[in-house]
C-alpha cells in the first residue's frame, strides 16, 4: 500500500508537468515549422474559440483527475472514508483524457486546413498519468475491499 500511496502522490506532481509538456507538434505543410501544443495551450485555444467546450474540457482534463488523485490520497492515508470510493470512481470516469483529445483535434481541424501533426513526449507522459491513475485506483479499491485481519 505504501508504494500505491507514493505513486498516487507522484501524480500530483506529474499531472501539471504533463499539462505543460508538448503533446504534439502541428504545422502547415512540411516546409513550415511546427508549433508545440500542450494541454494548456490547447485549452487556451478552446477558450478563444468555444467557451462552453473549453469549460467542459477544463473540468474533465484538469480538475476531475486532480481531484480524484487528491481524494484517493485522502482515502489511502485514512483521512477520508472508504465509502467515498464510489464518488471517486465517478470522478475517474469524468476524468477522461479522450474528451480533451477529441476537443483538441476539433480545434486543430478548425484552425488547420492542410498540415501535419507529430506526437511529442508530453502525449506519452499524459497518457501514462491517466493509465497510472486508473491502475492505482483499481489496486487501491481491491486492497481496501479485502477483509482486514483483526488486530
C-alpha atoms as a PDB file:
ATOM      1  CA  UNK A   1       0.000   0.000   0.000  1.00  0.00           C
ATOM      2  CA  UNK A   2       2.952   2.345   0.646  1.00  0.00           C
ATOM      3  CA  UNK A   3       4.019   2.083  -2.996  1.00  0.00           C
ATOM      4  CA  UNK A   4       0.486   2.927  -4.144  1.00  0.00           C
ATOM      5  CA  UNK A   5       0.473   5.981  -1.877  1.00  0.00           C
ATOM      6  CA  UNK A   6       3.800   7.135  -3.294  1.00  0.00           C
ATOM      7  CA  UNK A   7       2.700   6.561  -6.903  1.00  0.00           C
ATOM      8  CA  UNK A   8      -0.589   8.356  -6.304  1.00  0.00           C
ATOM      9  CA  UNK A   9       1.135  11.348  -4.700  1.00  0.00           C
ATOM     10  CA  UNK A  10       3.627  11.457  -7.560  1.00  0.00           C
ATOM     11  CA  UNK A  11       0.688  12.062  -9.908  1.00  0.00           C
ATOM     12  CA  UNK A  12       0.102  15.372  -8.113  1.00  0.00           C
ATOM     13  CA  UNK A  13       3.480  16.461  -9.497  1.00  0.00           C
ATOM     14  CA  UNK A  14       3.335  14.641 -12.836  1.00  0.00           C
ATOM     15  CA  UNK A  15      -0.091  15.931 -13.922  1.00  0.00           C
ATOM     16  CA  UNK A  16       0.969  19.611 -14.035  1.00  0.00           C
ATOM     17  CA  UNK A  17       4.153  18.626 -15.885  1.00  0.00           C
ATOM     18  CA  UNK A  18       2.068  16.660 -18.388  1.00  0.00           C
ATOM     19  CA  UNK A  19      -0.302  19.616 -18.829  1.00  0.00           C
ATOM     20  CA  UNK A  20       2.552  21.909 -19.848  1.00  0.00           C
ATOM     21  CA  UNK A  21       4.548  19.338 -21.841  1.00  0.00           C
ATOM     22  CA  UNK A  22       4.132  19.296 -25.620  1.00  0.00           C
ATOM     23  CA  UNK A  23       1.538  16.708 -26.638  1.00  0.00           C
ATOM     24  CA  UNK A  24       2.090  17.217 -30.316  1.00  0.00           C
ATOM     25  CA  UNK A  25       3.590  19.487 -32.890  1.00  0.00           C
ATOM     26  CA  UNK A  26       1.349  20.839 -35.602  1.00  0.00           C
ATOM     27  CA  UNK A  27       2.087  22.960 -38.606  1.00  0.00           C
ATOM     28  CA  UNK A  28       1.104  23.948 -42.078  1.00  0.00           C
ATOM     29  CA  UNK A  29       2.746  21.985 -44.825  1.00  0.00           C
ATOM     30  CA  UNK A  30       6.111  20.274 -44.435  1.00  0.00           C
ATOM     31  CA  UNK A  31       8.125  23.450 -45.132  1.00  0.00           C
ATOM     32  CA  UNK A  32       6.882  25.482 -42.161  1.00  0.00           C
ATOM     33  CA  UNK A  33       7.994  24.995 -38.586  1.00  0.00           C
ATOM     34  CA  UNK A  34       5.729  23.116 -36.211  1.00  0.00           C
ATOM     35  CA  UNK A  35       4.019  24.718 -33.203  1.00  0.00           C
ATOM     36  CA  UNK A  36       4.029  22.724 -29.992  1.00  0.00           C
ATOM     37  CA  UNK A  37       0.635  22.056 -28.447  1.00  0.00           C
ATOM     38  CA  UNK A  38       0.208  21.165 -24.782  1.00  0.00           C
ATOM     39  CA  UNK A  39      -2.885  20.590 -22.695  1.00  0.00           C
ATOM     40  CA  UNK A  40      -2.727  24.195 -21.511  1.00  0.00           C
ATOM     41  CA  UNK A  41      -2.157  25.721 -24.950  1.00  0.00           C
ATOM     42  CA  UNK A  42      -4.961  23.540 -26.307  1.00  0.00           C
ATOM     43  CA  UNK A  43      -7.225  24.861 -23.575  1.00  0.00           C
ATOM     44  CA  UNK A  44      -6.198  28.424 -24.393  1.00  0.00           C
ATOM     45  CA  UNK A  45      -7.241  27.842 -27.999  1.00  0.00           C
ATOM     46  CA  UNK A  46     -10.530  26.370 -26.860  1.00  0.00           C
ATOM     47  CA  UNK A  47     -11.225  29.339 -24.577  1.00  0.00           C
ATOM     48  CA  UNK A  48     -10.695  31.646 -27.548  1.00  0.00           C
ATOM     49  CA  UNK A  49     -12.977  29.703 -29.891  1.00  0.00           C
ATOM     50  CA  UNK A  50     -15.608  27.843 -27.809  1.00  0.00           C
ATOM     51  CA  UNK A  51     -16.077  28.805 -24.169  1.00  0.00           C
ATOM     52  CA  UNK A  52     -18.607  26.070 -23.323  1.00  0.00           C
ATOM     53  CA  UNK A  53     -16.394  23.319 -24.750  1.00  0.00           C
ATOM     54  CA  UNK A  54     -13.388  24.878 -23.007  1.00  0.00           C
ATOM     55  CA  UNK A  55     -15.205  24.810 -19.667  1.00  0.00           C
ATOM     56  CA  UNK A  56     -16.133  21.146 -20.093  1.00  0.00           C
ATOM     57  CA  UNK A  57     -12.648  20.169 -21.153  1.00  0.00           C
ATOM     58  CA  UNK A  58     -11.074  22.129 -18.279  1.00  0.00           C
ATOM     59  CA  UNK A  59     -13.259  20.252 -15.800  1.00  0.00           C
ATOM     60  CA  UNK A  60     -12.662  16.847 -17.405  1.00  0.00           C
ATOM     61  CA  UNK A  61      -8.967  17.179 -18.284  1.00  0.00           C
ATOM     62  CA  UNK A  62      -7.659  19.184 -15.313  1.00  0.00           C
ATOM     63  CA  UNK A  63      -9.957  19.330 -12.306  1.00  0.00           C
ATOM     64  CA  UNK A  64     -11.500  15.828 -12.335  1.00  0.00           C
ATOM     65  CA  UNK A  65      -8.233  13.825 -12.485  1.00  0.00           C
ATOM     66  CA  UNK A  66      -6.535  16.085  -9.949  1.00  0.00           C
ATOM     67  CA  UNK A  67      -9.460  15.979  -7.501  1.00  0.00           C
ATOM     68  CA  UNK A  68      -9.700  12.213  -7.935  1.00  0.00           C
ATOM     69  CA  UNK A  69      -5.986  11.867  -7.140  1.00  0.00           C
ATOM     70  CA  UNK A  70      -6.312  14.056  -4.037  1.00  0.00           C
ATOM     71  CA  UNK A  71      -9.417  12.165  -2.907  1.00  0.00           C
ATOM     72  CA  UNK A  72      -7.719   8.814  -3.394  1.00  0.00           C
ATOM     73  CA  UNK A  73      -4.714  10.024  -1.379  1.00  0.00           C
ATOM     74  CA  UNK A  74      -7.048  11.058   1.430  1.00  0.00           C
ATOM     75  CA  UNK A  75      -8.618   7.579   1.397  1.00  0.00           C
ATOM     76  CA  UNK A  76      -5.205   5.889   1.287  1.00  0.00           C
ATOM     77  CA  UNK A  77      -3.995   7.857   4.314  1.00  0.00           C
ATOM     78  CA  UNK A  78      -7.238   7.215   6.208  1.00  0.00           C
ATOM     79  CA  UNK A  79      -8.340  10.867   6.217  1.00  0.00           C
ATOM     80  CA  UNK A  80     -11.405  10.155   4.074  1.00  0.00           C
ATOM     81  CA  UNK A  81     -13.824   7.271   4.471  1.00  0.00           C
ATOM     82  CA  UNK A  82     -13.624   4.295   2.128  1.00  0.00           C
ATOM     83  CA  UNK A  83     -17.321   4.959   1.456  1.00  0.00           C
ATOM     84  CA  UNK A  84     -16.192   7.838  -0.762  1.00  0.00           C
ATOM     85  CA  UNK A  85     -14.610   5.419  -3.271  1.00  0.00           C
ATOM     86  CA  UNK A  86     -17.766   5.225  -5.440  1.00  0.00           C
ATOM     87  CA  UNK A  87     -17.749   9.036  -5.755  1.00  0.00           C
ATOM     88  CA  UNK A  88     -14.054   8.927  -6.651  1.00  0.00           C
ATOM     89  CA  UNK A  89     -14.858   6.236  -9.194  1.00  0.00           C
ATOM     90  CA  UNK A  90     -17.373   8.593 -10.822  1.00  0.00           C
ATOM     91  CA  UNK A  91     -14.765  11.386 -10.780  1.00  0.00           C
ATOM     92  CA  UNK A  92     -12.394   8.995 -12.513  1.00  0.00           C
ATOM     93  CA  UNK A  93     -14.940   8.357 -15.233  1.00  0.00           C
ATOM     94  CA  UNK A  94     -15.344  12.099 -15.715  1.00  0.00           C
ATOM     95  CA  UNK A  95     -11.577  12.496 -15.955  1.00  0.00           C
ATOM     96  CA  UNK A  96     -11.486  11.225 -19.482  1.00  0.00           C
ATOM     97  CA  UNK A  97      -8.420  12.220 -21.418  1.00  0.00           C
ATOM     98  CA  UNK A  98     -10.141  11.289 -24.664  1.00  0.00           C
ATOM     99  CA  UNK A  99     -12.654  14.115 -24.145  1.00  0.00           C
ATOM    100  CA  UNK A 100      -9.755  16.547 -24.074  1.00  0.00           C
ATOM    101  CA  UNK A 101      -8.042  14.980 -27.052  1.00  0.00           C
ATOM    102  CA  UNK A 102     -11.209  14.993 -29.158  1.00  0.00           C
ATOM    103  CA  UNK A 103     -11.780  18.657 -28.349  1.00  0.00           C
ATOM    104  CA  UNK A 104      -8.159  19.415 -29.175  1.00  0.00           C
ATOM    105  CA  UNK A 105      -8.446  17.662 -32.524  1.00  0.00           C
ATOM    106  CA  UNK A 106     -11.648  19.591 -33.271  1.00  0.00           C
ATOM    107  CA  UNK A 107      -9.805  22.827 -32.547  1.00  0.00           C
ATOM    108  CA  UNK A 108      -6.888  21.761 -34.713  1.00  0.00           C
ATOM    109  CA  UNK A 109      -9.054  20.823 -37.652  1.00  0.00           C
ATOM    110  CA  UNK A 110     -10.883  24.144 -37.401  1.00  0.00           C
ATOM    111  CA  UNK A 111      -7.625  26.077 -37.395  1.00  0.00           C
ATOM    112  CA  UNK A 112      -5.541  23.966 -39.772  1.00  0.00           C
ATOM    113  CA  UNK A 113      -6.909  23.044 -43.152  1.00  0.00           C
ATOM    114  CA  UNK A 114      -3.764  21.459 -44.503  1.00  0.00           C
ATOM    115  CA  UNK A 115      -0.941  20.471 -42.299  1.00  0.00           C
ATOM    116  CA  UNK A 116       0.779  17.833 -40.326  1.00  0.00           C
ATOM    117  CA  UNK A 117       0.743  16.690 -36.732  1.00  0.00           C
ATOM    118  CA  UNK A 118       3.563  14.884 -34.893  1.00  0.00           C
ATOM    119  CA  UNK A 119       3.243  13.404 -31.439  1.00  0.00           C
ATOM    120  CA  UNK A 120       5.569  14.673 -28.722  1.00  0.00           C
ATOM    121  CA  UNK A 121       6.799  13.297 -25.394  1.00  0.00           C
ATOM    122  CA  UNK A 122       4.063  15.034 -23.396  1.00  0.00           C
ATOM    123  CA  UNK A 123       1.414  12.848 -25.009  1.00  0.00           C
ATOM    124  CA  UNK A 124       3.134   9.766 -23.633  1.00  0.00           C
ATOM    125  CA  UNK A 125       3.524  11.348 -20.186  1.00  0.00           C
ATOM    126  CA  UNK A 126      -0.125  12.455 -20.117  1.00  0.00           C
ATOM    127  CA  UNK A 127      -1.275   9.001 -21.249  1.00  0.00           C
ATOM    128  CA  UNK A 128       0.959   7.350 -18.621  1.00  0.00           C
ATOM    129  CA  UNK A 129      -0.529   9.586 -15.894  1.00  0.00           C
ATOM    130  CA  UNK A 130      -4.080   8.650 -16.893  1.00  0.00           C
ATOM    131  CA  UNK A 131      -3.259   4.927 -17.071  1.00  0.00           C
ATOM    132  CA  UNK A 132      -1.335   5.045 -13.780  1.00  0.00           C
ATOM    133  CA  UNK A 133      -4.267   6.775 -12.123  1.00  0.00           C
ATOM    134  CA  UNK A 134      -6.630   4.065 -13.345  1.00  0.00           C
ATOM    135  CA  UNK A 135      -4.296   1.307 -12.154  1.00  0.00           C
ATOM    136  CA  UNK A 136      -3.674   2.934  -8.755  1.00  0.00           C
ATOM    137  CA  UNK A 137      -7.411   3.428  -8.209  1.00  0.00           C
ATOM    138  CA  UNK A 138      -8.213  -0.125  -9.195  1.00  0.00           C
ATOM    139  CA  UNK A 139      -5.460  -1.576  -6.983  1.00  0.00           C
ATOM    140  CA  UNK A 140      -6.417   0.603  -4.006  1.00  0.00           C
ATOM    141  CA  UNK A 141     -10.079  -0.387  -4.286  1.00  0.00           C
ATOM    142  CA  UNK A 142      -9.089  -4.074  -4.405  1.00  0.00           C
ATOM    143  CA  UNK A 143      -6.801  -3.762  -1.384  1.00  0.00           C
ATOM    144  CA  UNK A 144      -9.400  -1.872   0.658  1.00  0.00           C
ATOM    145  CA  UNK A 145     -12.137  -4.348  -0.294  1.00  0.00           C
ATOM    146  CA  UNK A 146     -10.215  -7.245   1.290  1.00  0.00           C
ATOM    147  CA  UNK A 147     -11.252  -8.167   4.802  1.00  0.00           C
ATOM    148  CA  UNK A 148      -8.834  -6.661   7.301  1.00  0.00           C
ATOM    149  CA  UNK A 149      -7.244  -9.037   9.837  1.00  0.00           C
ATOM    150  CA  UNK A 150      -8.202  -8.331  13.432  1.00  0.00           C
ATOM    151  CA  UNK A 151      -5.546  -6.538  15.393  1.00  0.00           C
END
